[in-house]
């Protein structure tokens, strides 16, 4: 069968349920039905994102609802997010629903992927109330995206894989002493144990004895916070991290509204 392209005036029967008297069926045109899709009808979109897509795009924005076209804007009613944990949590600082490319385009926010070690569901509630007022011209033909742009890029934050001695190896340490790293952007629950020191107690070698959460970024000369022992002054470089994994499903109920 060949494809038929409707012109907009073809009649389409709208059949009633059983028990409705004969002859009461209504008719609409294909143009009427298209208009419902282009503006006025409430719709639900379900968008699934892989770990690779999250790492590549969450910080700048994962598109959930495409731009509706010139002369229209998207009016979201509610949204939810389901994060499926696999082996490592992401660290994002929180996620938000935004109008793409709009300054102060926040619709609503959640925290669903941030340092959790289990699958989790979060509901954005009635975002129609939460997102406040927008200038229509600002949100005309704008997609709705899910992002962490006010937090951290999950591709650059994760578990510590490798580290090294920084520019100061400290003094007063002894084998078996423990320390952690104070990193402003994340947790401090990765614990390191000193293995060997020189005659003045400067650290020569150490190892990670307890792996903590996914909240570390690479960088040089992080302060070592002494947990046991009397060592001071040690600086540690974080040379490489491994980010979180898991998948994400974002659901949005919305309406396409024609601009008057």
Protein backbone atom coordinates (compact mmCIF):
# COMPACT_ATOMS: atom_id res chain seq x y z
CA UNK A 1 0.00 0.00 0.00
CA UNK A 2 1.37 3.40 -0.93
CA UNK A 3 1.68 6.23 1.53
CA UNK A 4 -1.11 8.81 1.50
CA UNK A 5 -0.23 12.34 2.54
CA UNK A 6 -3.32 14.04 4.01
CA UNK A 7 -4.08 17.57 2.95
CA UNK A 8 -5.98 18.45 6.10
CA UNK A 9 -9.60 18.26 4.97
CA UNK A 10 -10.05 14.46 4.82
CA UNK A 11 -12.91 13.33 7.13
CA UNK A 12 -12.07 10.86 9.91
CA UNK A 13 -14.87 9.13 11.91
CA UNK A 14 -14.75 9.46 15.69
CA UNK A 15 -16.52 6.26 16.79
CA UNK A 16 -18.49 6.27 20.02
CA UNK A 17 -18.43 3.47 22.60
CA UNK A 18 -20.98 0.65 22.57
CA UNK A 19 -24.43 1.60 23.77
CA UNK A 20 -24.41 5.04 22.11
CA UNK A 21 -27.45 5.41 19.81
CA UNK A 22 -26.85 4.79 16.12
CA UNK A 23 -26.14 7.88 14.09
CA UNK A 24 -24.44 9.79 16.91
CA UNK A 25 -20.88 9.22 15.69
CA UNK A 26 -18.92 12.40 14.99
CA UNK A 27 -16.41 13.37 12.32
CA UNK A 28 -13.20 15.35 12.38
CA UNK A 29 -10.72 16.23 9.70
CA UNK A 30 -7.08 15.19 9.58
CA UNK A 31 -6.29 18.88 10.04
CA UNK A 32 -8.28 18.90 13.30
CA UNK A 33 -6.33 15.91 14.60
CA UNK A 34 -2.98 17.43 13.60
CA UNK A 35 -3.91 20.60 15.43
CA UNK A 36 -4.43 18.62 18.63
CA UNK A 37 -0.87 17.33 18.36
CA UNK A 38 0.56 20.73 17.51
CA UNK A 39 -1.08 22.54 20.37
CA UNK A 40 -3.63 21.84 23.07
CA UNK A 41 -3.27 18.10 23.68
CA UNK A 42 -1.58 16.86 26.86
CA UNK A 43 1.24 14.48 26.04
CA UNK A 44 3.71 12.29 27.92
CA UNK A 45 7.25 11.60 26.75
CA UNK A 46 9.53 8.93 28.21
CA UNK A 47 13.23 9.42 27.49
CA UNK A 48 15.83 6.76 28.32
CA UNK A 49 19.54 7.59 28.57
CA UNK A 50 22.48 5.21 28.70
CA UNK A 51 25.57 5.69 30.86
CA UNK A 52 27.50 6.89 27.81
CA UNK A 53 24.81 9.48 27.03
CA UNK A 54 24.73 10.66 30.66
CA UNK A 55 28.48 11.15 30.78
CA UNK A 56 28.57 12.89 27.41
CA UNK A 57 25.55 15.14 27.79
CA UNK A 58 24.08 15.56 31.28
CA UNK A 59 26.15 18.62 32.16
CA UNK A 60 25.15 20.50 29.01
CA UNK A 61 21.66 19.02 28.78
CA UNK A 62 19.96 15.79 27.73
CA UNK A 63 17.03 16.61 25.47
CA UNK A 64 13.79 15.15 26.82
CA UNK A 65 11.14 17.02 24.82
CA UNK A 66 12.10 18.37 21.37
CA UNK A 67 11.54 21.99 20.45
CA UNK A 68 7.92 22.36 19.25
CA UNK A 69 8.60 24.67 16.30
CA UNK A 70 8.21 28.38 15.68
CA UNK A 71 5.03 29.85 17.11
CA UNK A 72 4.74 27.29 19.94
CA UNK A 73 6.12 26.72 23.43
CA UNK A 74 6.18 23.73 25.77
CA UNK A 75 4.19 23.86 29.01
CA UNK A 76 5.31 21.04 31.36
CA UNK A 77 2.96 19.84 34.11
CA UNK A 78 5.10 17.31 35.97
CA UNK A 79 8.18 15.20 35.52
CA UNK A 80 9.91 12.29 37.17
CA UNK A 81 13.32 10.63 36.96
CA UNK A 82 14.34 7.05 37.61
CA UNK A 83 18.02 6.31 38.13
CA UNK A 84 19.06 2.66 37.87
CA UNK A 85 22.21 2.03 39.89
CA UNK A 86 24.73 -0.48 38.51
CA UNK A 87 28.14 -0.43 40.24
CA UNK A 88 29.09 3.20 40.96
CA UNK A 89 27.02 6.28 41.75
CA UNK A 90 27.27 9.49 39.75
CA UNK A 91 28.11 12.75 41.44
CA UNK A 92 26.22 15.68 39.94
CA UNK A 93 25.25 18.03 42.75
CA UNK A 94 21.61 17.62 41.68
CA UNK A 95 19.73 17.57 38.38
CA UNK A 96 17.23 20.01 36.91
CA UNK A 97 14.68 20.36 34.15
CA UNK A 98 15.39 23.41 31.99
CA UNK A 99 14.24 25.21 28.89
CA UNK A 100 17.25 24.70 26.66
CA UNK A 101 19.40 27.80 26.21
CA UNK A 102 17.18 30.08 28.29
CA UNK A 103 18.82 32.22 30.97
CA UNK A 104 16.97 31.52 34.25
CA UNK A 105 15.17 28.74 32.40
CA UNK A 106 14.79 26.47 35.44
CA UNK A 107 11.55 24.52 35.48
CA UNK A 108 12.13 22.33 38.54
CA UNK A 109 14.88 20.32 40.23
CA UNK A 110 15.48 16.86 41.66
CA UNK A 111 18.30 14.95 43.28
CA UNK A 112 18.18 11.45 41.87
CA UNK A 113 21.71 10.52 40.76
CA UNK A 114 23.85 12.19 43.41
CA UNK A 115 26.03 9.76 45.46
CA UNK A 116 23.29 7.17 45.82
CA UNK A 117 24.26 3.50 45.94
CA UNK A 118 20.87 2.19 44.92
CA UNK A 119 18.26 2.66 42.24
CA UNK A 120 16.03 5.59 43.07
CA UNK A 121 12.90 7.38 41.84
CA UNK A 122 12.14 11.07 42.30
CA UNK A 123 9.05 13.02 41.29
CA UNK A 124 9.19 16.63 40.15
CA UNK A 125 5.65 17.24 41.37
CA UNK A 126 3.56 19.97 39.81
CA UNK A 127 6.20 21.87 37.89
CA UNK A 128 3.55 24.13 36.40
CA UNK A 129 3.48 25.85 39.79
CA UNK A 130 7.18 25.52 40.51
CA UNK A 131 8.59 27.11 37.38
CA UNK A 132 7.00 30.49 37.88
CA UNK A 133 6.77 33.06 35.10
CA UNK A 134 8.59 33.10 31.76
CA UNK A 135 8.62 35.61 28.94
CA UNK A 136 6.91 33.74 26.11
CA UNK A 137 9.39 34.94 23.51
CA UNK A 138 12.21 33.43 25.61
CA UNK A 139 10.72 29.94 25.61
CA UNK A 140 9.26 29.93 22.11
CA UNK A 141 10.47 26.87 20.20
CA UNK A 142 12.72 25.74 23.07
CA UNK A 143 13.34 22.11 23.91
CA UNK A 144 13.12 20.82 27.48
CA UNK A 145 16.36 19.32 28.75
CA UNK A 146 17.51 17.50 31.89
CA UNK A 147 20.90 18.62 33.16
CA UNK A 148 23.32 19.20 36.02
CA UNK A 149 24.66 22.53 34.73
CA UNK A 150 24.50 24.16 38.17
CA UNK A 151 26.38 21.28 39.78
CA UNK A 152 29.13 19.04 38.45
CA UNK A 153 29.90 17.32 35.19
CA UNK A 154 29.48 13.61 36.08
CA UNK A 155 32.14 12.68 33.51
CA UNK A 156 34.79 14.50 35.55
CA UNK A 157 33.81 13.37 39.05
CA UNK A 158 34.10 9.85 40.41
CA UNK A 159 36.00 7.30 42.44
CA UNK A 160 39.76 7.78 42.83
CA UNK A 161 41.67 5.31 40.65
CA UNK A 162 45.23 6.62 40.86
CA UNK A 163 46.90 9.26 42.99
CA UNK A 164 50.44 10.39 43.78
CA UNK A 165 52.48 12.41 46.23
CA UNK A 166 52.13 16.14 45.77
CA UNK A 167 54.63 18.95 46.16
CA UNK A 168 54.94 18.38 49.94
CA UNK A 169 55.38 14.86 51.36
CA UNK A 170 54.81 16.00 54.93
CA UNK A 171 56.57 15.23 58.20
CA UNK A 172 55.93 13.18 61.33
CA UNK A 173 54.13 10.29 59.62
CA UNK A 174 54.63 6.63 60.52
CA UNK A 175 53.67 3.41 58.72
CA UNK A 176 50.03 2.59 59.41
CA UNK A 177 48.92 6.22 59.81
CA UNK A 178 45.74 7.07 57.95
CA UNK A 179 44.48 10.17 56.20
CA UNK A 180 41.82 11.35 53.82
CA UNK A 181 41.69 14.10 51.20
CA UNK A 182 39.71 17.28 51.71
CA UNK A 183 38.21 17.99 48.29
CA UNK A 184 35.84 20.95 48.20
CA UNK A 185 33.53 19.44 45.60
CA UNK A 186 32.78 16.11 47.22
CA UNK A 187 33.05 13.63 50.08
CA UNK A 188 36.10 12.86 52.18
CA UNK A 189 35.45 9.19 52.93
CA UNK A 190 38.21 7.61 50.84
CA UNK A 191 40.86 6.59 53.37
CA UNK A 192 44.56 6.23 52.65
CA UNK A 193 47.12 4.31 54.73
CA UNK A 194 50.81 5.20 54.92
CA UNK A 195 53.14 2.32 53.98
CA UNK A 196 56.68 3.74 54.23
CA UNK A 197 58.31 6.98 55.39
CA UNK A 198 61.82 8.47 55.48
CA UNK A 199 63.79 9.38 58.61
CA UNK A 200 61.85 12.60 59.14
CA UNK A 201 58.45 11.02 58.72
CA UNK A 202 57.89 12.24 55.15
CA UNK A 203 55.62 9.86 53.27
CA UNK A 204 57.31 7.69 50.64
CA UNK A 205 54.52 5.30 49.76
CA UNK A 206 50.85 4.81 50.68
CA UNK A 207 47.75 3.04 49.39
CA UNK A 208 43.96 3.42 49.38
CA UNK A 209 42.67 1.26 52.22
CA UNK A 210 38.98 2.22 52.00
CA UNK A 211 37.37 3.29 48.73
CA UNK A 212 34.83 6.06 49.29
CA UNK A 213 32.09 7.72 47.22
CA UNK A 214 32.11 9.11 43.70
CA UNK A 215 32.85 12.71 44.54
CA UNK A 216 36.45 13.34 43.55
CA UNK A 217 37.94 15.30 40.68
CA UNK A 218 41.48 15.17 39.36
CA UNK A 219 43.84 17.88 40.52
CA UNK A 220 47.13 18.64 42.27
CA UNK A 221 48.11 19.25 45.88
CA UNK A 222 44.97 18.36 47.80
CA UNK A 223 45.46 18.65 51.56
CA UNK A 224 45.77 15.35 53.40
CA UNK A 225 43.71 15.38 56.58
CA UNK A 226 45.34 13.22 59.27
CA UNK A 227 42.93 10.68 60.77
CA UNK A 228 45.38 8.66 62.90
CA UNK A 229 48.95 9.50 63.83
CA UNK A 230 50.75 12.81 64.11
CA UNK A 231 51.76 13.59 60.54
CA UNK A 232 51.28 17.04 59.02
CA UNK A 233 51.73 18.87 55.73
CA UNK A 234 51.14 16.05 53.22
CA UNK A 235 49.74 17.00 49.81
CA UNK A 236 48.24 14.46 47.41
CA UNK A 237 47.53 14.60 43.67
CA UNK A 238 44.45 12.89 42.28
CA UNK A 239 45.65 11.66 38.91
CA UNK A 240 42.66 9.72 37.58
CA UNK A 241 39.07 8.90 38.52
CA UNK A 242 36.38 6.59 37.22
CA UNK A 243 32.91 8.15 36.94
CA UNK A 244 29.57 6.66 37.84
CA UNK A 245 27.49 4.34 35.73
CA UNK A 246 23.85 3.34 35.58
CA UNK A 247 20.98 4.49 33.37
CA UNK A 248 18.32 7.18 33.58
CA UNK A 249 14.68 7.47 32.54
CA UNK A 250 13.02 10.90 32.52
CA UNK A 251 9.25 11.22 32.07
CA UNK A 252 7.56 14.56 31.33
CA UNK A 253 3.88 15.38 30.95
CA UNK A 254 3.50 18.51 28.89
CA UNK A 255 1.36 20.50 26.50
CA UNK A 256 2.35 22.20 23.26
CA UNK A 257 0.83 25.68 23.37
CA UNK A 258 0.30 27.90 20.34
CA UNK A 259 1.41 31.50 20.86
CA UNK A 260 -1.42 33.97 20.37
